[in-house]
Protein backbone atom coordinates (compact mmCIF):
# COMPACT_ATOMS: atom_id res chain seq x y z
CA MET A 1 50.30 3.63 55.41
CA PHE A 2 50.42 1.26 52.34
CA ARG A 3 46.76 0.42 52.81
CA VAL A 4 45.77 4.07 52.96
CA VAL A 5 47.78 4.77 49.70
CA ALA A 6 46.42 1.89 47.86
CA VAL A 7 42.73 2.79 48.77
CA SER A 8 43.45 6.34 47.80
CA ARG A 9 44.70 5.41 44.39
CA TRP A 10 41.74 3.02 43.87
CA LEU A 11 39.37 5.93 44.69
CA VAL A 12 41.09 8.26 42.36
CA ALA A 13 40.97 5.65 39.54
CA LEU A 14 37.26 5.16 40.21
CA LEU A 15 36.71 8.93 40.21
CA LEU A 16 38.57 9.21 36.85
CA VAL A 17 36.34 6.49 35.34
CA LEU A 18 33.20 8.05 36.66
CA TRP A 19 34.30 11.38 35.37
CA GLY A 20 35.07 9.93 31.92
CA VAL A 21 31.56 8.38 31.72
CA LEU A 22 29.91 11.75 32.88
CA ALA A 23 32.00 13.67 30.23
CA LEU A 24 30.89 11.33 27.45
CA GLN A 25 27.20 11.79 28.33
CA VAL A 26 27.57 15.47 28.56
CA ALA A 27 29.32 15.50 25.16
CA ALA A 28 26.52 13.38 23.57
CA GLN A 29 23.82 15.81 24.99
CA ARG A 30 25.73 18.88 23.79
CA GLY A 31 26.50 17.30 20.38
CA GLY A 32 22.94 16.61 19.51
CA GLY A 33 23.68 12.85 19.07
CA HIS A 34 26.80 13.42 16.84
CA GLU A 35 29.52 13.03 19.58
CA VAL A 36 31.34 10.54 17.30
CA ARG A 37 33.61 12.86 15.23
CA LYS A 38 34.93 11.88 11.92
CA ASP A 39 36.76 13.78 9.05
CA TRP A 40 35.77 13.54 5.36
CA PRO A 41 39.22 13.83 3.82
CA GLN A 42 38.84 13.15 0.31
CA PHE A 43 36.21 12.49 -2.45
CA GLY A 44 33.75 9.76 -1.38
CA SER A 45 35.32 9.88 2.17
CA ASP A 46 37.89 7.04 1.63
CA VAL A 47 40.39 5.97 -0.86
CA ALA A 48 37.90 3.53 -2.54
CA SER A 49 35.44 6.56 -2.91
CA SER A 50 32.76 4.33 -1.36
CA GLY A 51 30.67 7.36 -0.50
CA ALA A 52 29.44 5.69 2.71
CA PRO A 53 31.41 6.42 5.87
CA PRO A 54 30.39 4.41 8.84
CA ALA A 55 30.37 7.07 11.54
CA PRO A 56 27.14 8.57 12.86
CA THR A 57 26.49 12.04 11.50
CA GLY A 58 24.10 13.69 13.97
CA ILE A 59 21.61 14.02 11.15
CA SER A 60 18.61 11.59 11.12
CA ALA A 61 15.33 11.07 9.51
CA ALA A 62 13.79 12.95 12.33
CA ASN A 63 15.74 16.16 11.96
CA VAL A 64 16.99 16.36 8.26
CA ALA A 65 13.95 18.13 6.94
CA SER A 66 14.58 20.97 9.55
CA LEU A 67 18.09 21.53 9.10
CA ASN A 68 19.34 25.12 8.95
CA LEU A 69 20.84 26.40 5.67
CA ARG A 70 23.64 28.97 5.24
CA GLN A 71 24.75 29.95 1.82
CA VAL A 72 28.35 31.07 1.45
CA HIS A 73 29.48 33.08 -1.65
CA LEU A 74 32.74 32.09 -3.13
CA ASP A 75 35.27 33.43 -5.62
CA GLY A 76 34.50 30.74 -8.17
CA THR A 77 32.39 27.82 -8.98
CA VAL A 78 33.16 24.50 -7.15
CA ASP A 79 31.89 21.94 -9.74
CA ALA A 80 33.04 19.02 -7.49
CA SER A 81 32.78 18.08 -3.74
CA ALA A 82 34.01 19.57 -0.54
CA ILE A 83 36.27 17.89 2.07
CA TYR A 84 36.09 18.38 5.80
CA LEU A 85 38.31 18.23 8.82
CA HIS A 86 37.20 18.49 12.33
CA GLY A 87 39.20 20.49 15.00
CA VAL A 88 42.21 21.58 12.97
CA THR A 89 44.37 24.74 13.75
CA VAL A 90 43.86 27.58 11.24
CA ASN A 91 45.49 31.03 11.82
CA GLY A 92 46.21 29.94 15.48
CA SER A 93 42.73 28.93 16.45
CA ASN A 94 40.76 25.72 16.45
CA HIS A 95 38.25 25.35 13.66
CA ASP A 96 36.00 22.68 11.94
CA VAL A 97 36.95 23.42 8.26
CA PHE A 98 35.55 22.81 4.88
CA PHE A 99 38.03 22.93 1.93
CA VAL A 100 37.04 23.43 -1.63
CA THR A 101 38.77 24.09 -5.08
CA THR A 102 37.17 26.18 -7.66
CA SER A 103 37.00 25.64 -11.31
CA TYR A 104 39.94 28.05 -11.78
CA GLY A 105 42.05 26.55 -9.10
CA ASN A 106 41.48 28.71 -6.10
CA THR A 107 41.57 26.55 -2.92
CA ILE A 108 39.47 27.95 -0.10
CA ALA A 109 39.40 27.03 3.78
CA LEU A 110 36.00 27.97 5.32
CA ASP A 111 34.86 27.84 8.98
CA ALA A 112 32.26 25.07 9.04
CA ASP A 113 30.18 26.96 11.61
CA SER A 114 30.27 30.57 10.42
CA GLY A 115 31.04 30.06 6.79
CA ALA A 116 33.81 32.70 7.12
CA ILE A 117 36.70 32.26 4.60
CA LEU A 118 39.71 31.41 6.67
CA TRP A 119 42.26 31.62 3.82
CA GLU A 120 42.25 31.39 -0.06
CA TYR A 121 45.14 30.24 -2.07
CA VAL A 122 45.17 31.58 -5.65
CA PRO A 123 47.73 29.77 -7.99
CA PRO A 124 50.18 31.93 -9.79
CA GLY A 125 49.20 32.73 -13.33
CA SER A 126 45.44 32.13 -12.86
CA SER A 127 44.65 35.43 -14.58
CA THR A 128 45.70 33.72 -17.77
CA TRP A 129 42.92 31.00 -17.63
CA VAL A 130 40.26 32.68 -15.59
CA GLY A 131 37.13 33.15 -17.71
CA THR A 132 38.35 30.48 -20.30
CA ALA A 133 37.44 26.91 -20.87
CA GLN A 134 40.79 25.82 -19.05
CA ILE A 135 39.09 24.50 -15.76
CA THR A 136 39.42 21.80 -13.26
CA ASN A 137 36.66 19.76 -11.44
CA SER A 138 39.01 18.30 -8.95
CA THR A 139 38.30 17.76 -5.23
CA PRO A 140 41.22 18.31 -2.87
CA ALA A 141 42.56 15.66 -0.45
CA ALA A 142 43.75 15.94 3.12
CA ASP A 143 47.03 14.41 4.38
CA PRO A 144 46.53 11.98 7.34
CA ASP A 145 48.67 14.40 9.36
CA ARG A 146 45.76 16.78 9.28
CA GLN A 147 48.23 19.64 8.71
CA HIS A 148 48.31 19.68 4.86
CA ILE A 149 45.90 19.24 1.92
CA TYR A 150 46.57 18.67 -1.67
CA ALA A 151 44.95 20.51 -4.55
CA ALA A 152 44.98 20.64 -8.32
CA ALA A 153 44.62 23.67 -10.70
CA PRO A 154 44.06 24.19 -14.55
CA ASP A 155 47.74 24.66 -14.91
CA GLY A 156 48.23 20.96 -14.48
CA VAL A 157 49.99 21.34 -11.28
CA VAL A 158 49.37 19.50 -7.88
CA ARG A 159 50.11 21.60 -4.84
CA LYS A 160 50.55 20.89 -1.19
CA LEU A 161 49.15 23.65 1.04
CA ALA A 162 49.53 24.19 4.79
CA ILE A 163 46.14 23.90 6.62
CA MET A 164 47.40 26.46 9.28
CA ASP A 165 47.37 29.35 6.79
CA GLY A 166 47.23 28.11 3.24
CA HIS A 167 50.77 28.57 2.29
CA LEU A 168 52.43 26.69 -0.44
CA VAL A 169 54.75 23.75 0.62
CA TRP A 170 55.40 22.36 -2.75
CA SER A 171 54.06 22.26 -6.41
CA THR A 172 54.57 19.55 -9.08
CA PRO A 173 53.38 19.63 -12.67
CA ILE A 174 51.77 16.32 -13.82
CA THR A 175 51.37 17.30 -17.52
CA LEU A 176 53.72 18.90 -20.11
CA LEU A 177 50.59 20.44 -21.89
CA PRO A 178 48.14 21.69 -19.40
CA ASP A 179 45.79 23.41 -21.89
CA HIS A 180 45.17 20.08 -23.50
CA GLU A 181 45.39 17.62 -20.58
CA LYS A 182 43.04 18.41 -17.90
CA ILE A 183 42.98 17.51 -14.12
CA ALA A 184 39.29 16.65 -13.95
CA SER A 185 39.10 14.06 -11.13
CA PRO A 186 39.69 14.16 -7.45
CA LEU A 187 43.08 13.61 -5.86
CA LYS A 188 43.72 10.60 -3.72
CA VAL A 189 46.10 10.16 -0.72
CA PHE A 190 47.25 6.76 0.47
CA GLY A 191 50.48 5.20 1.91
CA GLY A 192 52.45 8.35 1.63
CA LEU A 193 51.60 8.74 -1.94
CA ILE A 194 49.42 11.21 -4.06
CA VAL A 195 47.60 9.74 -7.08
CA ALA A 196 46.34 12.11 -9.74
CA VAL A 197 44.88 11.41 -13.25
CA THR A 198 44.58 13.45 -16.31
CA GLY A 199 42.12 13.56 -19.20
CA GLY A 200 41.14 16.05 -22.04
CA TYR A 201 39.01 19.14 -22.27
CA ILE A 202 35.52 19.29 -24.01
CA GLY A 203 36.05 18.83 -27.69
CA ASP A 204 38.85 16.20 -27.28
CA ALA A 205 41.34 18.57 -29.06
CA PRO A 206 44.51 16.60 -29.75
CA PRO A 207 47.04 15.76 -28.57
CA TYR A 208 46.41 14.41 -25.08
CA GLN A 209 46.85 11.06 -23.31
CA GLY A 210 45.16 10.07 -20.09
CA HIS A 211 47.68 9.07 -17.44
CA VAL A 212 48.10 8.16 -13.78
CA ALA A 213 50.61 10.21 -11.83
CA VAL A 214 52.05 9.09 -8.53
CA LEU A 215 53.80 11.66 -6.28
CA ASP A 216 55.64 11.46 -2.92
CA ALA A 217 53.34 13.30 -0.51
CA GLN A 218 56.28 14.43 1.52
CA THR A 219 58.53 16.00 -1.19
CA GLY A 220 56.20 16.29 -4.10
CA VAL A 221 58.64 14.37 -6.27
CA LEU A 222 56.89 12.77 -9.23
CA LEU A 223 57.73 9.17 -8.72
CA HIS A 224 55.95 7.30 -11.60
CA VAL A 225 53.62 7.95 -14.52
CA TRP A 226 51.48 5.26 -16.28
CA ASN A 227 50.31 6.46 -19.74
CA SER A 228 47.13 4.83 -21.05
CA LEU A 229 48.45 5.40 -24.52
CA CYS A 230 52.08 4.65 -25.42
CA SER A 231 52.06 2.80 -22.10
CA ASP A 232 55.45 1.27 -22.85
CA ARG A 233 56.91 4.78 -22.09
CA ALA A 234 57.24 5.73 -18.55
CA GLY A 235 57.12 9.26 -17.17
CA LEU A 236 55.60 12.42 -18.41
CA ILE A 237 55.68 12.50 -22.29
CA GLN A 238 55.17 15.28 -24.70
CA PRO A 239 51.46 14.44 -26.00
CA ALA A 240 52.50 15.16 -29.57
CA SER A 241 55.29 12.50 -29.35
CA CYS A 242 52.84 9.67 -28.96
CA PRO A 243 51.19 8.64 -32.20
CA SER A 244 47.88 7.82 -30.30
CA THR A 245 45.75 10.40 -28.60
CA ARG A 246 42.69 10.62 -26.13
CA SER A 247 42.02 7.72 -23.64
CA ALA A 248 41.14 10.18 -21.00
CA ILE A 249 41.05 9.27 -17.23
CA TRP A 250 38.13 11.60 -16.03
CA GLY A 251 35.70 9.63 -13.94
CA ARG A 252 34.03 11.45 -11.06
CA ALA A 253 35.91 9.40 -8.44
CA GLY A 254 39.31 9.39 -10.32
CA ALA A 255 41.64 6.68 -9.48
CA ILE A 256 40.14 4.16 -6.99
CA ILE A 257 42.47 2.53 -4.60
CA ASP A 258 41.89 -0.70 -2.88
CA PRO A 259 42.78 -0.06 0.86
CA ALA A 260 43.82 -3.61 1.42
CA THR A 261 46.51 -3.74 -1.33
CA GLY A 262 47.12 -0.20 -2.37
CA ASN A 263 46.35 -1.26 -6.09
CA ILE A 264 45.04 1.46 -8.37
CA PHE A 265 41.98 1.10 -10.60
CA VAL A 266 41.13 3.42 -13.40
CA ALA A 267 38.87 3.53 -16.42
CA THR A 268 39.74 5.23 -19.67
CA GLY A 269 37.69 7.00 -22.24
CA ASN A 270 37.59 6.89 -25.96
CA GLY A 271 40.88 6.18 -27.81
CA PRO A 272 42.84 3.64 -29.59
CA TYR A 273 42.97 0.09 -28.14
CA ASN A 274 45.38 -2.79 -28.83
CA GLY A 275 45.67 -4.51 -25.55
CA THR A 276 49.45 -3.88 -25.19
CA THR A 277 50.40 -0.14 -25.35
CA ASP A 278 47.11 1.53 -26.16
CA TRP A 279 44.24 1.07 -23.64
CA GLY A 280 41.32 3.22 -24.85
CA ASP A 281 37.87 2.34 -23.34
CA SER A 282 39.38 0.06 -20.69
CA LEU A 283 39.46 -0.72 -17.07
CA ILE A 284 42.99 -1.04 -15.74
CA GLU A 285 44.34 -2.30 -12.28
CA LEU A 286 47.82 -0.96 -11.52
CA ASP A 287 50.24 -1.75 -8.73
CA PRO A 288 50.56 0.86 -6.03
CA ASP A 289 53.50 2.63 -7.88
CA ALA A 290 51.57 2.62 -11.21
CA THR A 291 54.40 0.82 -12.95
CA GLN A 292 52.74 -2.48 -13.82
CA VAL A 293 49.42 -3.59 -15.21
CA LEU A 294 47.92 -6.20 -12.96
CA ALA A 295 44.47 -6.68 -14.56
CA ASN A 296 42.67 -5.13 -17.56
CA TYR A 297 39.27 -5.30 -19.32
CA THR A 298 37.55 -3.97 -22.33
CA PRO A 299 34.02 -4.64 -23.54
CA ALA A 300 33.60 -6.71 -26.74
CA ASP A 301 32.26 -3.53 -28.54
CA ASN A 302 35.28 -1.50 -27.82
CA THR A 303 35.53 -0.37 -31.42
CA MET A 304 31.86 0.74 -31.40
CA LEU A 305 32.22 2.71 -28.12
CA ASN A 306 35.24 4.48 -29.43
CA GLY A 307 33.54 5.31 -32.76
CA SER A 308 30.30 6.57 -31.11
CA ASP A 309 31.99 8.63 -28.40
CA LEU A 310 30.53 6.24 -25.64
CA ASP A 311 33.31 6.45 -23.10
CA LEU A 312 33.62 3.38 -20.91
CA GLY A 313 35.54 5.71 -18.51
CA SER A 314 32.91 8.31 -18.05
CA THR A 315 32.67 6.73 -14.56
CA SER A 316 35.41 5.30 -12.23
CA PRO A 317 35.47 1.63 -11.30
CA VAL A 318 33.41 0.69 -8.27
CA LEU A 319 34.95 -1.88 -5.78
CA LEU A 320 31.98 -4.03 -4.44
CA GLY A 321 34.10 -6.60 -2.29
CA SER A 322 34.34 -10.29 -2.78
CA ASP A 323 36.31 -9.97 -5.95
CA ALA A 324 33.61 -7.93 -7.66
CA LEU A 325 33.62 -4.55 -9.33
CA ALA A 326 31.26 -2.46 -11.32
CA GLN A 327 31.95 -0.30 -14.21
CA GLY A 328 29.43 2.18 -15.84
CA GLY A 329 29.75 4.14 -19.05
CA LYS A 330 28.18 6.53 -21.50
CA ASP A 331 26.40 3.58 -23.16
CA ALA A 332 23.94 3.49 -20.27
CA LEU A 333 25.24 0.11 -19.01
CA ILE A 334 26.88 -0.93 -15.78
CA ARG A 335 29.01 -3.96 -16.04
CA LEU A 336 29.76 -6.44 -13.14
CA LEU A 337 33.17 -7.95 -13.30
CA GLY A 338 35.23 -10.38 -11.47
CA ILE A 339 38.61 -9.02 -10.65
CA GLY A 340 40.28 -12.44 -10.68
CA ALA A 341 38.85 -13.12 -14.19
CA ILE A 342 40.57 -10.18 -15.69
CA ALA A 343 43.93 -10.58 -13.88
CA GLY A 344 47.18 -10.54 -15.86
CA ALA A 345 48.69 -8.27 -18.52
CA ALA A 346 47.25 -10.35 -21.45
CA PRO A 347 44.14 -8.38 -22.88
CA HIS A 348 40.75 -9.44 -21.45
CA THR A 349 37.62 -8.61 -23.57
CA GLY A 350 34.07 -9.13 -22.45
CA ASN A 351 32.96 -11.99 -20.29
CA GLU A 352 31.12 -9.86 -17.80
CA LEU A 353 29.43 -11.53 -14.81
CA GLN A 354 26.27 -9.34 -15.52
CA THR A 355 25.28 -6.25 -17.40
CA VAL A 356 22.50 -3.92 -16.06
CA SER A 357 20.99 -0.62 -17.28
CA THR A 358 21.91 2.65 -15.53
CA PRO A 359 19.14 4.05 -13.43
CA GLY A 360 17.56 6.16 -16.03
CA ARG A 361 18.98 4.33 -19.07
CA SER A 362 21.02 7.48 -19.59
CA MET A 363 24.80 8.26 -19.99
CA MET A 364 26.44 7.74 -16.57
CA PHE A 365 28.89 10.43 -15.36
CA THR A 366 28.59 9.90 -11.65
CA ALA A 367 30.34 7.76 -8.92
CA PRO A 368 28.07 5.21 -7.23
CA ALA A 369 28.12 4.74 -3.62
CA VAL A 370 28.77 1.27 -1.96
CA TRP A 371 27.23 0.80 1.43
CA ARG A 372 27.84 -2.22 3.70
CA ASP A 373 24.93 -2.60 6.07
CA ARG A 374 25.56 -5.43 8.46
CA ALA A 375 25.72 -8.64 6.22
CA GLU A 376 24.46 -6.86 3.04
CA THR A 377 26.26 -4.84 0.42
CA TRP A 378 24.38 -2.05 -1.44
CA MET A 379 25.24 -0.09 -4.63
CA PHE A 380 23.44 3.22 -5.23
CA ALA A 381 23.79 5.04 -8.61
CA ALA A 382 22.14 8.02 -10.37
CA ASP A 383 22.28 9.57 -13.66
CA SER A 384 20.28 12.35 -15.56
CA GLY A 385 17.16 10.11 -15.75
CA GLY A 386 16.95 8.43 -12.28
CA THR A 387 18.39 6.98 -9.13
CA ALA A 388 18.51 3.27 -8.21
CA ALA A 389 19.73 0.80 -5.69
CA TRP A 390 20.97 -2.70 -5.92
CA THR A 391 21.91 -5.37 -3.37
CA VAL A 392 25.21 -7.17 -4.17
CA ALA A 393 25.69 -10.84 -3.47
CA ASN A 394 27.15 -13.94 -5.12
CA GLY A 395 28.48 -12.12 -8.07
CA LYS A 396 25.20 -10.50 -8.95
CA LEU A 397 23.43 -7.13 -8.78
CA THR A 398 19.87 -7.51 -7.56
CA PRO A 399 17.52 -4.46 -8.22
CA ALA A 400 16.06 -3.07 -5.01
CA TRP A 401 14.27 0.13 -5.93
CA SER A 402 14.52 2.91 -8.55
CA ASN A 403 12.80 6.28 -9.32
CA SER A 404 12.88 8.86 -12.09
CA THR A 405 14.71 11.65 -10.17
CA ALA A 406 18.03 12.79 -11.65
CA GLY A 407 21.15 12.88 -9.50
CA THR A 408 24.91 13.22 -9.22
CA SER A 409 27.16 10.98 -7.11
CA PRO A 410 25.24 9.54 -4.13
CA VAL A 411 26.42 9.36 -0.56
CA VAL A 412 25.18 7.32 2.36
CA ALA A 413 25.77 8.70 5.82
CA GLY A 414 24.09 8.11 9.08
CA ARG A 415 21.73 5.51 7.42
CA LEU A 416 20.32 8.10 5.03
CA LEU A 417 21.05 8.32 1.18
CA TYR A 418 21.75 11.86 -0.21
CA VAL A 419 21.51 12.52 -3.85
CA TYR A 420 21.82 15.95 -5.36
CA ASN A 421 19.43 16.66 -8.40
CA PRO A 422 21.54 19.05 -10.62
CA ASN A 423 18.23 20.66 -11.65
CA GLY A 424 17.85 21.80 -8.02
CA GLY A 425 17.21 20.10 -4.70
CA LEU A 426 19.09 17.68 -2.43
CA GLN A 427 17.00 14.58 -2.13
CA VAL A 428 17.26 12.48 1.07
CA TYR A 429 16.01 8.83 1.02
CA ASP A 430 15.75 5.86 3.12
CA PRO A 431 18.51 3.78 1.42
CA THR A 432 16.73 0.36 1.62
CA SER A 433 13.25 1.37 0.63
CA GLY A 434 13.89 4.45 -1.60
CA LYS A 435 11.21 6.37 0.39
CA GLN A 436 11.92 10.08 0.03
CA ILE A 437 12.34 11.62 3.41
CA ALA A 438 13.31 15.17 2.60
CA ASN A 439 13.99 17.52 -0.35
CA LEU A 440 16.38 20.26 0.82
CA THR A 441 16.07 23.43 -1.43
CA CYS A 442 19.15 24.44 -3.29
CA GLY A 443 20.15 25.71 -6.70
CA SER A 444 21.18 23.85 -9.91
CA GLY A 445 24.52 22.53 -10.76
CA HIS A 446 26.52 19.92 -12.72
CA TRP A 447 28.74 17.33 -11.21
CA ASN A 448 28.65 18.80 -7.71
CA SER A 449 27.91 16.20 -4.91
CA PRO A 450 27.32 16.53 -1.15
CA ILE A 451 29.28 15.50 1.94
CA VAL A 452 27.52 14.63 5.19
CA VAL A 453 29.52 14.59 8.36
CA ASP A 454 29.59 15.95 11.89
CA GLY A 455 26.13 17.34 12.06
CA ARG A 456 26.65 19.18 8.70
CA ILE A 457 25.94 18.94 5.02
CA ALA A 458 28.03 20.75 2.52
CA LEU A 459 27.00 21.12 -1.01
CA PRO A 460 28.53 23.25 -3.84
CA GLU A 461 26.32 24.71 -6.63
CA GLY A 462 26.99 25.79 -10.21
CA ASN A 463 28.43 24.55 -13.46
CA ALA A 464 32.06 24.94 -14.30
CA ASN A 465 31.35 24.92 -18.05
CA GLN A 466 29.61 28.53 -17.62
CA HIS A 467 33.07 29.83 -16.76
CA ALA A 468 31.83 31.92 -13.90
CA THR A 469 34.16 33.47 -11.37
CA ALA A 470 31.57 33.23 -8.49
CA GLY A 471 29.76 30.48 -6.80
CA VAL A 472 27.88 29.17 -3.71
CA LEU A 473 28.42 26.65 -1.04
CA ASP A 474 25.33 25.34 0.79
CA ILE A 475 25.98 24.39 4.42
CA TRP A 476 23.08 22.77 6.33
CA THR A 477 23.52 22.27 10.14
CA VAL A 478 21.56 20.74 13.02
CA THR A 479 22.07 23.87 15.04
CA ILE A 480 21.19 27.43 14.06
CA PRO A 481 24.24 29.17 12.43
CA GLN A 482 25.61 32.13 14.54
């Protein structure tokens, strides 16, 4: 009897293994090569905003030019990026979902296959700023529980929304003067915390101060605030109560978080600088709670940058690995820095490892992508005058290729480089050679950038500065939309 039972169990185990292998093969065939599923939960895919997730996408050089396009019309302009979650429950059913936030703060969940709007959250009081210059360019972020997302609005409030139906879980203001302090950058989620940053609106109307806000993801409690001006004062401050103004934190990637340490990296725009309490035109590393300056840097020509409206913080810091980071700016330069060399609270000025020109020698407002391909690290950047690639090694950026096609924030996915030309067209390149593989037709935009995941590309169109109350989300898929 024992031998029969043992043999039976062995046969059952063998059949289960064979069934599992067969199931994987069938899934691969049905999935068109994108059986490995991955979410795109926040701007740039990860907390460092690398823009280069490692998972296969199901989109290749062989099929990218023949993707099928669906255009979805929205109740607002999304001058930012979408995020994506695979297989979540919405309104009682399973869906693959894109989430976007419009310039007037509407957060929308869309079925990734049909483009149908599953729910739309409209923040209270939105009628008071709709059609005005009080906007947001923020990208929402998904909680790791895959049941909630976090979104910002022009009223200076961060909100936690339930994925199942879009209902409000909590809301927390991160500014005391929302018509002067703008949430322009994406939200970040890491280690049970939400990290948000603020800047100012076009025209820099005083008073405002850029600051980093850290919230508890579970409760929404505002835990800590680091102010880039009057930084000796913790918590939210009335902007007029600080004698210094500006120093916006507004880079396209917002706060960058080192996944190994949880430390927060930000760059500031024009404003006063004294290396103790005022940190205009600076790069700052903070501890995970945003209570302590761990490292800092400002260029030797800080005064000139401030006086000429050449924000260092027009871009966010870029973590390159091996103690190196890059920092772009409005002065058409990208600076390579050693993190160890700028460590400590004492002010650090100049002493860059290297300085290179931006791709088109133009002001830079985009978030570069960092791609680790086997033993090599690559950085890709774009501006209004071109797109370029560098390899990163031994504390040096080495040019690989460049062209004169404008672009917003690049992404590398499935071994393809995607760069949206805000004048119209989504360019697809071979990342190592720069050879153009496809040009996907689409309309014009501003700071919008694509995501590429799970056999799909999502790209919003439009410019928030036009104050429109309608917009478009382009969705390309491998399969024909139903």
